[in-house]
N, C-alpha and C. Protein backbone atom coordinates (compact mmCIF):
# COMPACT_ATOMS: atom_id res chain seq x y z
N MET A 1 -14.61 34.65 -4.11
CA MET A 1 -14.46 34.01 -4.68
C MET A 1 -14.45 32.57 -3.64
N GLU A 2 -15.61 31.91 -3.81
CA GLU A 2 -15.74 30.50 -2.66
C GLU A 2 -14.99 28.70 -3.52
N ALA A 3 -13.90 28.60 -2.32
CA ALA A 3 -13.49 27.43 -3.10
C ALA A 3 -14.16 25.85 -3.38
N SER A 4 -14.24 25.45 -4.91
CA SER A 4 -15.08 24.60 -5.14
C SER A 4 -15.05 23.12 -4.23
N GLU A 5 -15.56 22.73 -3.78
CA GLU A 5 -15.62 21.34 -3.45
C GLU A 5 -14.89 20.49 -3.97
N VAL A 6 -14.64 19.29 -3.83
CA VAL A 6 -14.35 17.48 -4.36
C VAL A 6 -14.78 16.74 -4.29
N SER A 7 -15.88 16.83 -5.40
CA SER A 7 -16.99 15.17 -4.94
C SER A 7 -16.48 14.29 -4.79
N ILE A 8 -17.46 13.53 -3.01
CA ILE A 8 -15.95 12.36 -2.81
C ILE A 8 -16.43 10.91 -3.95
N GLU A 9 -16.90 11.40 -5.11
CA GLU A 9 -17.09 10.42 -6.47
C GLU A 9 -15.51 10.74 -7.01
N LEU A 10 -15.07 11.84 -6.94
CA LEU A 10 -13.28 11.76 -7.13
C LEU A 10 -13.00 11.06 -6.79
N TYR A 11 -13.01 11.42 -4.80
CA TYR A 11 -11.60 10.49 -4.31
C TYR A 11 -11.53 9.13 -4.37
N VAL A 12 -12.69 8.86 -4.61
CA VAL A 12 -12.95 6.69 -4.79
C VAL A 12 -12.61 6.91 -6.08
N LEU A 13 -12.63 7.07 -7.20
CA LEU A 13 -12.07 7.15 -8.43
C LEU A 13 -10.80 7.19 -8.35
N LEU A 14 -10.07 8.29 -7.96
CA LEU A 14 -8.54 8.17 -7.59
C LEU A 14 -8.61 7.35 -6.42
N SER A 15 -8.58 6.97 -5.52
CA SER A 15 -8.89 5.22 -4.97
C SER A 15 -8.63 3.93 -5.67
N ALA A 16 -9.67 4.01 -6.48
CA ALA A 16 -9.70 2.77 -7.28
C ALA A 16 -8.24 2.76 -8.05
N VAL A 17 -8.39 3.75 -8.98
CA VAL A 17 -7.45 4.16 -9.63
C VAL A 17 -6.02 3.82 -8.76
N LEU A 18 -5.32 3.66 -8.30
CA LEU A 18 -4.12 3.60 -7.07
C LEU A 18 -4.70 2.12 -6.11
N PHE A 19 -5.03 1.53 -6.38
CA PHE A 19 -5.61 0.40 -6.03
C PHE A 19 -5.30 -0.69 -6.60
N ALA A 20 -5.99 -0.50 -8.10
CA ALA A 20 -5.58 -1.15 -9.37
C ALA A 20 -4.51 -1.30 -9.43
N MET A 21 -3.84 0.10 -9.62
CA MET A 21 -2.53 0.12 -10.31
C MET A 21 -1.23 -0.58 -9.21
N GLY A 22 -1.73 -0.24 -7.87
CA GLY A 22 -0.94 -1.53 -6.23
C GLY A 22 -1.23 -2.78 -7.22
N ALA A 23 -2.21 -3.70 -6.81
CA ALA A 23 -3.20 -4.52 -7.53
C ALA A 23 -2.10 -5.59 -8.77
N LEU A 24 -2.07 -4.10 -9.51
CA LEU A 24 -1.85 -5.15 -10.88
C LEU A 24 0.22 -5.08 -10.35
N GLY A 25 0.46 -4.34 -9.91
CA GLY A 25 2.27 -4.10 -9.77
C GLY A 25 2.85 -5.32 -9.00
N PHE A 26 1.07 -5.93 -7.83
CA PHE A 26 1.37 -7.39 -7.00
C PHE A 26 1.69 -8.09 -7.90
N LEU A 27 1.39 -8.22 -8.43
CA LEU A 27 0.71 -9.21 -9.47
C LEU A 27 2.25 -9.44 -10.36
N ILE A 28 1.99 -8.32 -11.02
CA ILE A 28 2.56 -8.35 -12.14
C ILE A 28 4.59 -8.49 -12.15
N ARG A 29 4.72 -7.52 -10.86
CA ARG A 29 6.59 -7.59 -10.32
C ARG A 29 7.15 -8.72 -10.04
N ARG A 30 7.81 -8.77 -10.87
CA ARG A 30 8.92 -10.12 -9.22
C ARG A 30 9.77 -9.45 -8.29
N ASN A 31 10.68 -8.03 -8.27
CA ASN A 31 11.59 -7.78 -7.21
C ASN A 31 10.45 -7.63 -5.81
N ALA A 32 10.95 -8.64 -4.32
CA ALA A 32 10.49 -7.92 -3.40
C ALA A 32 10.15 -6.46 -3.13
N ILE A 33 11.11 -5.65 -3.39
CA ILE A 33 10.56 -4.60 -3.34
C ILE A 33 9.45 -3.70 -3.94
N LEU A 34 9.81 -3.98 -5.28
CA LEU A 34 8.26 -3.55 -6.20
C LEU A 34 6.91 -4.34 -5.79
N ILE A 35 6.99 -5.26 -5.83
CA ILE A 35 5.92 -5.77 -5.45
C ILE A 35 5.50 -5.17 -3.60
N PHE A 36 6.70 -4.28 -2.30
CA PHE A 36 6.54 -3.96 -0.91
C PHE A 36 5.57 -2.91 -1.40
N MET A 37 6.14 -1.79 -2.78
CA MET A 37 5.84 -0.88 -2.88
C MET A 37 4.83 -0.69 -3.05
N SER A 38 3.44 -2.07 -4.06
CA SER A 38 2.53 -1.93 -4.65
C SER A 38 1.34 -2.23 -3.62
N VAL A 39 1.79 -2.75 -2.09
CA VAL A 39 1.12 -3.39 -1.52
C VAL A 39 0.66 -2.02 -0.40
N GLU A 40 1.94 -1.61 -0.11
CA GLU A 40 1.99 0.33 0.25
C GLU A 40 1.05 1.31 -0.22
N LEU A 41 0.92 0.78 -1.62
CA LEU A 41 0.57 2.01 -2.63
C LEU A 41 -1.08 1.56 -2.64
N MET A 42 -1.42 0.38 -2.48
CA MET A 42 -2.86 -0.64 -2.06
C MET A 42 -3.81 -0.02 -0.80
N LEU A 43 -2.67 0.22 0.45
CA LEU A 43 -2.99 0.28 1.85
C LEU A 43 -3.54 1.92 1.74
N ASN A 44 -2.06 3.08 0.92
CA ASN A 44 -2.28 4.59 1.17
C ASN A 44 -4.17 4.68 -0.12
N SER A 45 -4.23 3.14 -0.56
CA SER A 45 -5.27 4.02 -1.60
C SER A 45 -6.74 3.68 -0.81
N ALA A 46 -6.73 2.66 0.58
CA ALA A 46 -7.28 2.55 1.23
C ALA A 46 -7.27 3.71 2.13
N ASN A 47 -6.65 3.97 2.18
CA ASN A 47 -6.91 5.57 3.15
C ASN A 47 -7.42 6.44 2.41
N LEU A 48 -6.87 6.73 1.30
CA LEU A 48 -7.77 7.85 0.37
C LEU A 48 -9.39 7.83 0.46
N ALA A 49 -10.14 6.28 0.67
CA ALA A 49 -11.09 6.16 0.40
C ALA A 49 -11.88 6.32 2.17
N LEU A 50 -11.31 5.86 2.77
CA LEU A 50 -11.50 5.55 4.39
C LEU A 50 -11.29 7.68 4.75
N ALA A 51 -10.11 8.05 4.18
CA ALA A 51 -10.32 9.89 4.81
C ALA A 51 -11.81 10.41 3.81
N ALA A 52 -11.98 10.13 2.41
CA ALA A 52 -13.11 10.63 1.93
C ALA A 52 -14.50 10.62 2.35
N PHE A 53 -14.71 9.23 3.07
CA PHE A 53 -15.99 8.64 3.42
C PHE A 53 -16.17 9.52 4.73
N ALA A 54 -14.71 9.74 5.92
CA ALA A 54 -15.56 9.93 6.60
C ALA A 54 -15.27 11.72 7.04
N ARG A 55 -14.52 12.17 5.70
CA ARG A 55 -14.83 13.35 5.42
C ARG A 55 -16.77 13.84 5.24
N GLN A 56 -17.27 13.01 4.00
CA GLN A 56 -18.09 13.13 3.82
C GLN A 56 -19.25 13.30 4.79
N TRP A 57 -19.39 11.81 5.55
CA TRP A 57 -20.30 11.86 6.44
C TRP A 57 -20.22 12.59 7.87
N GLY A 58 -19.02 13.35 7.99
CA GLY A 58 -18.46 14.28 9.06
C GLY A 58 -18.44 13.45 10.31
N ASN A 59 -17.95 12.24 10.13
CA ASN A 59 -17.61 11.18 11.52
C ASN A 59 -15.50 11.27 11.57
N ALA A 60 -15.55 11.42 12.89
CA ALA A 60 -14.20 10.61 12.83
C ALA A 60 -12.97 9.50 13.01
N ASP A 61 -14.23 8.36 13.01
CA ASP A 61 -13.92 6.84 13.10
C ASP A 61 -13.36 6.67 11.15
N GLY A 62 -13.00 7.04 10.86
CA GLY A 62 -12.95 7.11 8.54
C GLY A 62 -11.69 6.86 9.45
N HIS A 63 -11.11 8.54 10.05
CA HIS A 63 -9.66 9.20 10.65
C HIS A 63 -9.14 8.25 11.85
N LEU A 64 -9.43 7.61 12.48
CA LEU A 64 -8.98 6.61 13.21
C LEU A 64 -8.53 5.53 12.90
N MET A 65 -9.91 4.94 11.66
CA MET A 65 -9.16 3.76 10.78
C MET A 65 -7.87 3.90 9.51
N VAL A 66 -7.78 4.93 9.39
CA VAL A 66 -6.50 5.25 8.57
C VAL A 66 -5.16 5.94 9.21
N PHE A 67 -4.96 6.62 10.79
CA PHE A 67 -4.28 6.22 11.83
C PHE A 67 -3.77 4.43 11.84
N PHE A 68 -4.84 3.53 12.30
CA PHE A 68 -4.45 2.09 11.98
C PHE A 68 -3.76 1.82 11.07
N VAL A 69 -4.57 1.85 10.04
CA VAL A 69 -3.86 1.34 8.95
C VAL A 69 -2.35 1.71 8.95
N MET A 70 -2.14 3.03 8.48
CA MET A 70 -1.03 3.52 8.87
C MET A 70 0.12 2.82 9.94
N THR A 71 -0.65 2.27 11.21
CA THR A 71 0.88 2.07 11.96
C THR A 71 0.50 0.28 11.10
N VAL A 72 -0.46 -0.49 11.05
CA VAL A 72 0.12 -1.96 10.50
C VAL A 72 1.06 -1.39 9.11
N ALA A 73 1.06 -0.64 8.53
CA ALA A 73 1.68 -0.59 6.93
C ALA A 73 2.66 -0.20 7.67
N ALA A 74 3.43 0.66 8.82
CA ALA A 74 4.76 0.44 8.99
C ALA A 74 5.45 -0.09 9.55
N ALA A 75 4.34 -0.94 10.18
CA ALA A 75 5.28 -2.45 11.02
C ALA A 75 5.19 -3.14 10.34
N GLU A 76 4.15 -3.40 8.97
CA GLU A 76 5.12 -4.24 7.73
C GLU A 76 5.97 -3.78 7.12
N VAL A 77 5.86 -2.52 6.85
CA VAL A 77 7.20 -2.49 6.10
C VAL A 77 8.74 -2.91 6.20
N ALA A 78 8.39 -2.44 7.99
CA ALA A 78 10.02 -2.72 8.76
C ALA A 78 9.60 -4.17 9.01
N VAL A 79 9.34 -5.10 8.97
CA VAL A 79 9.67 -6.80 9.10
C VAL A 79 9.82 -6.74 7.85
N GLY A 80 9.02 -6.52 7.09
CA GLY A 80 9.46 -7.00 5.02
C GLY A 80 10.43 -6.52 4.87
N LEU A 81 11.21 -5.48 4.92
CA LEU A 81 12.33 -4.77 4.36
C LEU A 81 13.25 -5.35 5.57
N ALA A 82 13.70 -5.83 6.71
CA ALA A 82 14.40 -6.94 7.10
C ALA A 82 14.88 -7.89 6.84
N LEU A 83 13.11 -9.13 6.43
CA LEU A 83 13.22 -9.29 5.04
C LEU A 83 13.59 -10.06 4.16
N ILE A 84 13.90 -8.74 3.35
CA ILE A 84 14.44 -8.49 2.06
C ILE A 84 15.89 -8.33 2.40
N VAL A 85 16.01 -7.63 3.10
CA VAL A 85 17.67 -7.51 3.37
C VAL A 85 17.95 -8.95 4.03
N ALA A 86 17.77 -9.81 4.53
CA ALA A 86 18.40 -10.52 5.12
C ALA A 86 18.81 -12.02 3.22
N ILE A 87 17.58 -11.92 2.70
CA ILE A 87 17.24 -12.90 1.78
C ILE A 87 18.26 -12.04 0.57
N PHE A 88 18.35 -11.13 1.30
CA PHE A 88 19.64 -10.02 -0.53
C PHE A 88 20.32 -10.90 0.14
N LYS A 89 20.85 -10.95 1.68
CA LYS A 89 22.91 -10.93 2.04
C LYS A 89 22.94 -12.44 1.32
N THR A 90 21.79 -13.01 1.30
CA THR A 90 22.17 -15.18 1.77
C THR A 90 22.45 -14.90 -0.65
N LYS A 91 20.99 -14.20 -1.12
CA LYS A 91 21.07 -15.33 -2.68
C LYS A 91 21.59 -14.18 -3.31
N LYS A 92 21.71 -12.34 -2.26
CA LYS A 92 22.74 -11.55 -3.89
C LYS A 92 20.77 -10.70 -4.31
N SER A 93 19.75 -11.18 -4.42
CA SER A 93 19.02 -10.92 -5.03
C SER A 93 17.65 -10.74 -3.94
N THR A 94 16.92 -10.06 -5.50
CA THR A 94 15.57 -9.81 -4.72
C THR A 94 15.12 -9.73 -5.53
N ASN A 95 14.99 -11.12 -6.64
CA ASN A 95 13.54 -12.01 -7.11
C ASN A 95 12.74 -12.47 -6.40
N ILE A 96 12.16 -12.57 -5.91
CA ILE A 96 10.86 -13.63 -5.98
C ILE A 96 11.01 -14.74 -6.37
N ASP A 97 11.19 -15.32 -7.43
CA ASP A 97 11.45 -16.41 -8.31
C ASP A 97 12.64 -17.06 -7.62
N ASP A 98 13.77 -16.21 -7.40
CA ASP A 98 14.90 -17.37 -6.45
C ASP A 98 14.89 -18.00 -4.85
N LEU A 99 12.98 -17.62 -4.79
CA LEU A 99 13.23 -17.71 -3.07
C LEU A 99 13.02 -18.98 -3.23
N HIS A 100 13.31 -19.60 -4.13
CA HIS A 100 12.59 -21.23 -4.46
C HIS A 100 13.22 -22.13 -3.38
N MET A 101 14.82 -21.92 -4.00
CA MET A 101 15.92 -22.43 -3.88
C MET A 101 17.30 -21.75 -2.65
N PHE A 102 15.70 -20.86 -2.10
CA PHE A 102 16.12 -20.34 -0.42
C PHE A 102 17.09 -21.30 0.87
N LYS A 103 16.70 -23.01 0.10
CA LYS A 103 16.72 -24.00 1.34
C LYS A 103 18.28 -24.25 1.14
N ASP A 104 19.14 -23.66 0.21
CA ASP A 104 20.18 -23.61 0.24
C ASP A 104 21.47 -23.14 1.07
């Protein structure tokens, strides 16, 4: 029995759904940690689409781009979490609405 191949359309559909969920989370949420998680979800959905297209076309360039996006995402998380910890130490909150009072 042969294993059935998953079509590229399903990968792209899943990627679009994940990206939409991340975009909605980014726009709706007020918690900084949840916003960073939404950004990561959007980056991972782009990685899924890149990997699916690279697999379909038999080209390694898409996989190279996935590696680059993962590297940038890791750097973004390191800097973002450091900022969130610094803000939490001063404000005792991760709500981004509290940031306008950061001057105090």
